[in-house]
Amino acid sequence: MQESLKASDQEYKEKYGFKSSVDYVYVPEKGLSENVIKNISKAKNEPEWMLEKRLSAYKIFKEKPMPNWGIDLSSLNFDDFYYYMKPTDKKVNDWNELPEEIKETFDKLGVPEAERKFFAGTEAQFDSEVVYSAIRETLERDGVIFTDTDTAVKKHGDIVKKFFGNVVPPSDNKFAALNTAVWSGGSFIYVPKGVKVKLPLQAYFRINAEQFGQFERTLIIADEGADVKVEWIDVNLGSKGNMKYPSIFLRGANAEGKIVSVAIASEGQIQDTGGKLYHLAPNTKSTLISKSVSSGSGNAVARFLVHIGDKAENAMVYTKCDAMLIDKESKATAYPYLESKRDDASLAHEASIGKISQDAIDYLMSRGISEDDAKAMIVFGFISDSIRDLPLDYLLELKRLVKLNIEKEKKVN
């Protein structure tokens, strides 16, 4: 059994845990300072207004305290990291024009195949820069803009300047300020009046360098009567400690948002995840679904905030938090916070917690299925209703990840 587990781990590491050898065309000094931020902006040839936004956000970052809730971040040293690494001197729209070492990286991740099968537009970011961008001609003819945010700053500066940092301001929290100060890459989407985007637009982000922070910035703008589906499907596995809270601000009438958060906390891991939903306009709707699985000494924390402002007439909110415990030592905690300034708001919340059924495991094993596979099937079934909208390629890979986590758990124990 040990040999097969090692082979399984090695197989996954070779496919997804690899590190590519890349000759970066630009790397600033290590650490975080005003000089580093100025050099990042200079290397990108940004307009003065963007540098001003960066420096203003850096000032807020220094003034904001570290979060004193959730995971203990007291040992985090911001000067231990690189905040910008440029892997190539140009972005391409032909996959074959990428540098070979970068193309091989994304080939292993299945990006070109996924693009052909599922997506109307695709971007691939490698460390700090978007290195590849493509959009279908039908969307271009409709006036849809889908590019990286760095390009948008230069070519569509008036739009970016108007909206950048207005939805989630740098003053929101210390790490929002950090992102604004050192951001690089990310996606920019503009959908003109009356245009409906029916196919998914997808972005991939690959962190290759060690001791590196990736701070992509995505800005999506839908004009009057436009329709684009904005949905966070957030799957969290691995890392000793993880804090991740996607935020959606519904500032336009009839806007809708959805966050699906899936977390798997294995031995020694803390998955502190969830999201924030702000209703700031009439007839807005939101959904937040949290699914967590804890095994060994793993601790899954679901943390979310829903705010209904005084202008959010007839706002509708549905939240659901489900947790599954695999072992006696496993932990799951939920911190739902819902606040409303409207009497006509509709809020619904559901929560459940349970343990994996030994009877179900025994039944599957009686049908010739191994214990590991039986647990993986039950766990995947528990989370599958929340992620069914993912493309088939991703669902298959997530299933593989779930099984690998269970195998590792048994190996540790």
Protein backbone atom coordinates (compact mmCIF):
# COMPACT_ATOMS: atom_id res chain seq x y z
CA MET A 1 0.00 0.00 0.00
CA GLN A 2 2.82 2.41 0.87
CA GLU A 3 4.43 1.98 -2.53
CA SER A 4 1.18 2.69 -4.37
CA LEU A 5 0.64 5.82 -2.28
CA LYS A 6 4.12 7.05 -3.09
CA ALA A 7 3.50 6.40 -6.76
CA SER A 8 0.21 8.27 -6.54
CA ASP A 9 1.85 11.26 -4.83
CA GLN A 10 4.66 11.28 -7.37
CA GLU A 11 2.22 11.11 -10.26
CA TYR A 12 0.37 14.16 -8.97
CA LYS A 13 3.57 16.06 -8.18
CA GLU A 14 4.92 15.47 -11.66
CA LYS A 15 1.71 16.79 -13.23
CA TYR A 16 0.78 19.68 -10.96
CA GLY A 17 3.48 20.16 -8.30
CA PHE A 18 6.26 20.92 -10.74
CA LYS A 19 8.38 24.06 -10.91
CA SER A 20 9.44 25.36 -14.31
CA SER A 21 12.88 26.79 -15.01
CA VAL A 22 12.24 30.31 -16.33
CA ASP A 23 14.65 33.14 -17.11
CA TYR A 24 12.69 36.13 -15.85
CA VAL A 25 13.12 39.33 -17.86
CA TYR A 26 12.59 41.54 -14.81
CA VAL A 27 12.69 40.98 -11.04
CA PRO A 28 12.71 43.90 -8.54
CA GLU A 29 14.49 43.80 -5.22
CA LYS A 30 13.10 41.48 -2.57
CA GLY A 31 10.77 42.90 0.06
CA LEU A 32 8.15 45.62 0.21
CA SER A 33 8.90 49.34 0.10
CA GLU A 34 7.89 52.52 -1.66
CA ASN A 35 10.88 52.11 -3.96
CA VAL A 36 9.78 48.59 -4.96
CA ILE A 37 6.32 49.89 -5.82
CA LYS A 38 7.75 52.73 -7.91
CA ASN A 39 9.96 50.27 -9.79
CA ILE A 40 7.01 47.96 -10.50
CA SER A 41 5.03 50.87 -11.93
CA LYS A 42 8.03 52.05 -13.96
CA ALA A 43 8.65 48.56 -15.37
CA LYS A 44 5.03 48.47 -16.51
CA ASN A 45 5.25 51.97 -18.03
CA GLU A 46 2.08 53.00 -16.17
CA PRO A 47 0.44 56.43 -16.19
CA GLU A 48 1.06 58.68 -13.21
CA TRP A 49 -2.48 58.23 -11.83
CA MET A 50 -1.93 54.51 -11.33
CA LEU A 51 1.34 55.08 -9.47
CA GLU A 52 -0.50 57.53 -7.22
CA LYS A 53 -3.14 54.88 -6.48
CA ARG A 54 -0.42 52.36 -5.65
CA LEU A 55 1.45 54.69 -3.28
CA SER A 56 -1.77 55.80 -1.57
CA ALA A 57 -2.72 52.15 -1.01
CA TYR A 58 0.76 51.37 0.36
CA LYS A 59 0.30 54.12 2.93
CA ILE A 60 -3.03 52.54 3.98
CA PHE A 61 -1.34 49.11 4.12
CA LYS A 62 1.28 50.37 6.58
CA GLU A 63 -1.40 51.97 8.77
CA LYS A 64 -3.80 49.02 8.82
CA PRO A 65 -3.28 46.41 11.56
CA MET A 66 -2.92 42.72 10.83
CA PRO A 67 -6.19 40.78 11.26
CA ASN A 68 -6.41 39.45 14.82
CA TRP A 69 -9.04 36.84 14.01
CA GLY A 70 -8.84 33.60 12.07
CA ILE A 71 -5.42 32.11 11.44
CA ASP A 72 -2.46 33.44 13.42
CA LEU A 73 -0.51 35.63 10.98
CA SER A 74 1.98 37.06 13.49
CA SER A 75 4.92 35.20 11.91
CA LEU A 76 4.26 36.60 8.42
CA ASN A 77 7.16 38.78 7.27
CA PHE A 78 6.28 40.86 4.22
CA ASP A 79 9.96 41.45 3.42
CA ASP A 80 10.52 37.74 2.78
CA PHE A 81 8.72 37.85 -0.57
CA TYR A 82 9.09 39.06 -4.12
CA TYR A 83 6.10 41.11 -5.31
CA TYR A 84 6.70 41.18 -9.03
CA MET A 85 8.33 38.79 -11.51
CA LYS A 86 8.04 39.29 -15.25
CA PRO A 87 8.48 35.97 -17.10
CA THR A 88 8.35 37.29 -20.68
CA ASP A 89 8.60 40.62 -22.48
CA LYS A 90 5.38 40.28 -24.43
CA LYS A 91 1.85 38.86 -24.34
CA VAL A 92 0.70 36.72 -27.27
CA ASN A 93 -2.65 35.58 -28.69
CA ASP A 94 -1.22 32.50 -30.40
CA TRP A 95 -0.48 29.67 -28.00
CA ASN A 96 2.47 28.46 -30.06
CA GLU A 97 4.25 31.81 -29.74
CA LEU A 98 4.74 31.42 -25.98
CA PRO A 99 8.23 30.60 -24.66
CA GLU A 100 8.55 26.82 -24.62
CA GLU A 101 9.02 26.45 -20.86
CA ILE A 102 5.86 28.49 -20.15
CA LYS A 103 3.83 26.73 -22.84
CA GLU A 104 4.79 23.34 -21.42
CA THR A 105 3.64 24.48 -17.98
CA PHE A 106 0.14 25.32 -19.17
CA ASP A 107 0.02 22.32 -21.50
CA LYS A 108 0.43 20.12 -18.42
CA LEU A 109 -2.48 21.97 -16.79
CA GLY A 110 -4.68 21.37 -19.86
CA VAL A 111 -5.27 25.05 -20.64
CA PRO A 112 -5.36 24.87 -24.47
CA GLU A 113 -7.69 21.86 -24.42
CA ALA A 114 -10.03 23.51 -21.93
CA GLU A 115 -10.04 26.67 -24.03
CA ARG A 116 -11.05 24.82 -27.17
CA LYS A 117 -13.80 22.87 -25.44
CA PHE A 118 -15.48 25.28 -23.08
CA PHE A 119 -14.51 28.91 -23.18
CA ALA A 120 -15.32 31.99 -25.22
CA GLY A 121 -12.18 33.69 -23.94
CA THR A 122 -9.10 32.58 -22.03
CA GLU A 123 -6.24 34.26 -20.24
CA ALA A 124 -3.20 32.58 -18.74
CA GLN A 125 -1.16 34.34 -16.07
CA PHE A 126 2.33 33.12 -15.14
CA ASP A 127 3.53 34.66 -11.86
CA SER A 128 3.04 38.45 -12.25
CA GLU A 129 2.08 38.77 -15.91
CA VAL A 130 -0.65 37.59 -18.27
CA VAL A 131 1.34 35.84 -21.01
CA TYR A 132 -1.51 34.67 -23.22
CA SER A 133 -4.91 36.10 -24.09
CA ALA A 134 -7.50 35.04 -26.65
CA ILE A 135 -11.15 35.91 -27.27
CA ARG A 136 -13.61 34.59 -29.84
CA GLU A 137 -14.29 36.84 -32.82
CA THR A 138 -18.04 36.78 -32.15
CA LEU A 139 -17.52 38.55 -28.83
CA GLU A 140 -15.14 41.07 -30.36
CA ARG A 141 -17.73 41.92 -32.99
CA ASP A 142 -20.22 42.59 -30.18
CA GLY A 143 -17.79 45.05 -28.64
CA VAL A 144 -16.84 42.88 -25.67
CA ILE A 145 -13.40 43.71 -24.28
CA PHE A 146 -11.54 40.84 -22.62
CA THR A 147 -7.90 41.50 -21.90
CA ASP A 148 -5.45 41.67 -19.04
CA THR A 149 -5.80 44.56 -16.62
CA ASP A 150 -2.34 45.94 -17.42
CA THR A 151 -3.29 46.35 -21.07
CA ALA A 152 -6.62 47.89 -20.05
CA VAL A 153 -4.80 50.56 -18.02
CA LYS A 154 -3.01 51.66 -21.20
CA LYS A 155 -5.74 51.18 -23.83
CA HIS A 156 -8.89 51.81 -21.80
CA GLY A 157 -7.51 54.06 -19.08
CA ASP A 158 -10.62 56.24 -18.74
CA ILE A 159 -12.79 53.24 -17.86
CA VAL A 160 -10.22 51.67 -15.54
CA LYS A 161 -9.54 54.95 -13.73
CA LYS A 162 -13.26 55.42 -13.12
CA PHE A 163 -13.84 52.01 -11.52
CA PHE A 164 -10.47 50.77 -10.22
CA GLY A 165 -10.56 50.45 -6.43
CA ASN A 166 -14.09 51.82 -6.14
CA VAL A 167 -15.92 48.55 -5.57
CA VAL A 168 -13.43 47.03 -3.13
CA PRO A 169 -11.41 50.01 -1.87
CA PRO A 170 -7.89 49.62 -0.45
CA SER A 171 -9.26 50.80 2.89
CA ASP A 172 -11.41 47.64 3.16
CA ASN A 173 -8.62 45.68 4.89
CA LYS A 174 -4.83 45.40 5.07
CA PHE A 175 -4.56 42.85 2.27
CA ALA A 176 -6.88 44.76 -0.05
CA ALA A 177 -4.48 47.67 0.39
CA LEU A 178 -1.51 45.41 -0.34
CA ASN A 179 -3.15 44.14 -3.52
CA THR A 180 -3.80 47.68 -4.73
CA ALA A 181 -0.20 48.67 -4.02
CA VAL A 182 1.53 45.79 -5.83
CA TRP A 183 -1.14 44.40 -8.18
CA SER A 184 -0.13 42.87 -11.50
CA GLY A 185 -2.08 41.03 -14.19
CA GLY A 186 -5.64 39.84 -13.76
CA SER A 187 -8.55 40.17 -16.17
CA PHE A 188 -10.44 43.18 -17.51
CA ILE A 189 -13.88 42.60 -18.98
CA TYR A 190 -16.23 45.20 -20.44
CA VAL A 191 -19.63 44.20 -21.81
CA PRO A 192 -21.37 46.96 -23.83
CA LYS A 193 -25.01 47.98 -23.45
CA GLY A 194 -27.49 45.22 -24.23
CA VAL A 195 -24.85 42.56 -24.98
CA LYS A 196 -25.24 39.14 -23.39
CA VAL A 197 -22.22 36.87 -22.85
CA LYS A 198 -23.49 33.28 -22.97
CA LEU A 199 -20.21 31.32 -22.93
CA PRO A 200 -17.76 31.34 -19.99
CA LEU A 201 -14.72 33.58 -19.90
CA GLN A 202 -11.90 31.92 -18.00
CA ALA A 203 -8.62 32.99 -16.40
CA TYR A 204 -5.80 30.72 -15.19
CA PHE A 205 -3.21 31.76 -12.63
CA ARG A 206 0.03 29.87 -12.12
CA ILE A 207 2.51 30.64 -9.32
CA ASN A 208 5.88 29.22 -10.33
CA ALA A 209 8.51 31.10 -8.31
CA GLU A 210 9.24 30.44 -4.65
CA GLN A 211 8.69 33.12 -1.98
CA PHE A 212 6.53 35.03 -4.43
CA GLY A 213 3.22 36.80 -4.01
CA GLN A 214 0.71 36.85 -6.87
CA PHE A 215 -1.64 39.84 -6.76
CA GLU A 216 -3.82 39.74 -9.83
CA ARG A 217 -6.55 42.38 -10.20
CA THR A 218 -9.79 41.59 -12.02
CA LEU A 219 -12.28 44.25 -13.09
CA ILE A 220 -15.60 43.29 -14.71
CA ILE A 221 -17.91 46.03 -16.01
CA ALA A 222 -21.37 45.32 -17.43
CA ASP A 223 -23.01 48.35 -19.05
CA GLU A 224 -26.75 49.08 -18.94
CA GLY A 225 -28.81 46.07 -20.05
CA ALA A 226 -25.70 43.89 -20.45
CA ASP A 227 -25.58 40.36 -19.11
CA VAL A 228 -22.44 38.47 -17.94
CA LYS A 229 -22.47 35.72 -15.37
CA VAL A 230 -20.21 36.44 -12.40
CA GLU A 231 -19.90 33.42 -10.15
CA TRP A 232 -17.16 32.52 -7.67
CA ILE A 233 -16.51 28.78 -7.39
CA ASP A 234 -13.77 28.60 -4.82
CA VAL A 235 -12.12 25.23 -4.08
CA ASN A 236 -9.56 25.20 -1.28
CA LEU A 237 -7.15 22.32 -0.72
CA GLY A 238 -3.60 22.18 0.57
CA SER A 239 -1.50 24.76 2.45
CA LYS A 240 -1.00 24.78 6.21
CA GLY A 241 -3.20 27.82 6.61
CA ASN A 242 -5.61 29.41 4.18
CA MET A 243 -7.71 32.56 4.49
CA LYS A 244 -9.86 33.36 1.46
CA TYR A 245 -13.02 35.45 1.28
CA PRO A 246 -14.25 36.44 -2.21
CA SER A 247 -16.35 39.61 -2.05
CA ILE A 248 -19.26 40.67 -4.23
CA PHE A 249 -20.69 44.21 -4.12
CA LEU A 250 -24.10 44.42 -5.81
CA ARG A 251 -24.26 48.12 -6.66
CA GLY A 252 -26.63 48.03 -9.64
CA ALA A 253 -30.38 47.36 -9.64
CA ASN A 254 -31.30 43.70 -10.34
CA ALA A 255 -27.67 42.57 -9.98
CA GLU A 256 -27.08 38.97 -8.87
CA GLY A 257 -24.07 37.29 -7.31
CA LYS A 258 -23.15 33.82 -6.18
CA ILE A 259 -20.29 32.40 -4.12
CA VAL A 260 -19.66 28.68 -3.79
CA SER A 261 -16.89 27.86 -1.32
CA VAL A 262 -15.56 24.31 -0.98
CA ALA A 263 -12.85 23.54 1.59
CA ILE A 264 -11.10 20.30 2.47
CA ALA A 265 -9.00 20.50 5.65
CA SER A 266 -6.65 17.56 6.09
CA GLU A 267 -4.24 16.71 8.93
CA GLY A 268 -2.71 19.86 10.43
CA GLN A 269 -4.50 22.23 8.05
CA ILE A 270 -6.76 25.20 8.77
CA GLN A 271 -9.11 26.21 5.96
CA ASP A 272 -10.65 29.54 6.96
CA THR A 273 -12.85 30.43 3.98
CA GLY A 274 -16.18 31.96 3.00
CA GLY A 275 -17.13 35.27 1.42
CA LYS A 276 -18.75 38.69 1.66
CA LEU A 277 -21.93 39.86 -0.07
CA TYR A 278 -23.01 43.50 -0.07
CA HIS A 279 -26.48 44.46 -1.34
CA LEU A 280 -26.41 48.16 -2.20
CA ALA A 281 -29.18 48.51 -4.83
CA PRO A 282 -32.85 47.50 -5.32
CA ASN A 283 -33.96 43.98 -6.32
CA THR A 284 -30.54 42.41 -5.86
CA LYS A 285 -30.12 38.69 -5.24
CA SER A 286 -27.27 36.67 -3.77
CA THR A 287 -26.41 33.10 -2.85
CA LEU A 288 -23.57 31.83 -0.69
CA ILE A 289 -23.00 28.11 -0.31
CA SER A 290 -20.23 26.69 1.87
CA LYS A 291 -19.24 23.01 1.87
CA SER A 292 -16.41 21.77 4.07
CA VAL A 293 -14.80 18.44 4.82
CA SER A 294 -12.44 17.92 7.78
CA SER A 295 -10.22 14.91 8.38
CA GLY A 296 -7.54 14.08 10.95
CA SER A 297 -6.87 17.21 13.00
CA GLY A 298 -8.02 19.42 10.14
CA ASN A 299 -10.15 22.45 10.97
CA ALA A 300 -12.58 23.93 8.43
CA VAL A 301 -13.93 27.37 9.28
CA ALA A 302 -16.79 28.89 7.27
CA ARG A 303 -16.85 32.66 7.73
CA PHE A 304 -19.19 34.93 5.80
CA LEU A 305 -20.82 38.34 5.96
CA VAL A 306 -24.02 39.49 4.28
CA HIS A 307 -24.92 43.18 4.35
CA ILE A 308 -28.18 44.66 3.05
CA GLY A 309 -27.94 48.43 2.77
CA ASP A 310 -30.72 50.97 3.20
CA LYS A 311 -31.10 51.34 -0.61
CA ALA A 312 -31.38 47.60 -1.27
CA GLU A 313 -35.16 47.40 -1.65
CA ASN A 314 -36.54 43.83 -1.94
CA ALA A 315 -33.10 42.25 -1.59
CA MET A 316 -33.05 38.45 -1.48
CA VAL A 317 -30.33 36.35 0.21
CA TYR A 318 -29.86 32.62 0.59
CA THR A 319 -26.94 31.15 2.54
CA LYS A 320 -26.14 27.53 3.29
CA CYS A 321 -23.33 26.04 5.34
CA ASP A 322 -22.76 22.25 5.38
CA ALA A 323 -19.87 20.47 7.10
CA MET A 324 -18.71 16.83 7.10
CA LEU A 325 -16.37 15.35 9.72
CA ILE A 326 -14.38 12.23 8.84
CA ASP A 327 -12.58 11.63 12.16
CA LYS A 328 -13.20 12.22 15.86
CA GLU A 329 -10.45 14.87 15.97
CA SER A 330 -11.85 16.82 13.00
CA LYS A 331 -13.27 20.29 13.55
CA ALA A 332 -15.75 22.47 11.72
CA THR A 333 -16.88 25.94 12.73
CA ALA A 334 -19.22 28.47 11.13
CA TYR A 335 -19.39 32.23 11.69
CA PRO A 336 -22.36 33.54 9.70
CA TYR A 337 -23.06 37.25 10.04
CA LEU A 338 -26.13 38.76 8.43
CA GLU A 339 -27.16 42.38 8.83
CA SER A 340 -30.06 44.20 7.18
CA LYS A 341 -31.24 47.81 7.10
CA ARG A 342 -34.39 46.91 5.17
CA ASP A 343 -37.66 45.50 6.51
CA ASP A 344 -38.61 44.17 3.08
CA ALA A 345 -35.48 42.03 2.69
CA SER A 346 -35.76 38.26 2.39
CA LEU A 347 -33.04 36.28 4.17
CA ALA A 348 -32.77 32.52 4.50
CA HIS A 349 -30.00 30.52 6.16
CA GLU A 350 -29.46 26.77 6.46
CA ALA A 351 -26.71 24.85 8.22
CA SER A 352 -25.86 21.23 8.86
CA ILE A 353 -22.99 19.20 10.28
CA GLY A 354 -22.49 15.46 10.23
CA LYS A 355 -19.93 12.71 10.09
CA ILE A 356 -19.10 10.30 7.33
CA SER A 357 -21.30 7.22 7.49
CA GLN A 358 -19.48 4.02 8.34
CA ASP A 359 -22.46 2.07 7.03
CA ALA A 360 -22.06 3.76 3.66
CA ILE A 361 -18.34 2.94 3.61
CA ASP A 362 -19.03 -0.70 4.55
CA TYR A 363 -21.66 -0.99 1.82
CA LEU A 364 -19.35 0.32 -0.88
CA MET A 365 -16.53 -1.91 0.33
CA SER A 366 -18.87 -4.91 0.14
CA ARG A 367 -19.19 -4.08 -3.57
CA GLY A 368 -15.44 -4.43 -4.09
CA ILE A 369 -14.52 -0.76 -3.65
CA SER A 370 -11.47 0.04 -1.52
CA GLU A 371 -11.87 2.02 1.69
CA ASP A 372 -10.02 5.02 0.25
CA ASP A 373 -12.14 5.03 -2.89
CA ALA A 374 -15.31 4.62 -0.82
CA LYS A 375 -14.45 7.65 1.34
CA ALA A 376 -13.53 9.67 -1.74
CA MET A 377 -16.83 8.81 -3.41
CA ILE A 378 -18.83 9.87 -0.35
CA VAL A 379 -16.89 13.13 0.07
CA PHE A 380 -17.17 13.98 -3.61
CA GLY A 381 -20.88 13.22 -3.52
CA PHE A 382 -21.21 15.58 -0.55
CA ILE A 383 -19.67 18.51 -2.46
CA SER A 384 -20.77 17.65 -6.01
CA ASP A 385 -24.12 19.47 -5.96
CA SER A 386 -22.25 22.74 -5.31
CA ILE A 387 -19.74 22.37 -8.13
CA ARG A 388 -21.81 20.75 -10.87
CA ASP A 389 -21.46 23.84 -13.08
CA LEU A 390 -17.72 23.33 -13.40
CA PRO A 391 -16.43 21.97 -16.74
CA LEU A 392 -15.97 18.20 -16.86
CA ASP A 393 -12.18 18.44 -16.97
CA TYR A 394 -12.15 20.34 -13.68
CA LEU A 395 -14.62 18.00 -12.01
CA LEU A 396 -12.46 15.02 -12.87
CA GLU A 397 -9.34 16.71 -11.52
CA LEU A 398 -11.12 17.77 -8.33
CA LYS A 399 -12.24 14.19 -7.81
CA ARG A 400 -8.62 13.14 -8.17
CA LEU A 401 -7.54 15.74 -5.61
CA VAL A 402 -10.15 14.57 -3.10
CA LYS A 403 -8.91 10.99 -3.40
CA LEU A 404 -5.30 12.10 -3.06
CA ASN A 405 -6.09 14.00 0.14
CA ILE A 406 -7.75 10.94 1.64
CA GLU A 407 -4.82 8.74 0.66
CA LYS A 408 -2.39 11.19 2.27
CA GLU A 409 -4.54 11.29 5.40
CA LYS A 410 -4.35 7.51 5.78
CA LYS A 411 -0.61 7.62 5.15
CA VAL A 412 -0.12 10.20 7.93
CA ASN A 413 -2.23 8.28 10.40
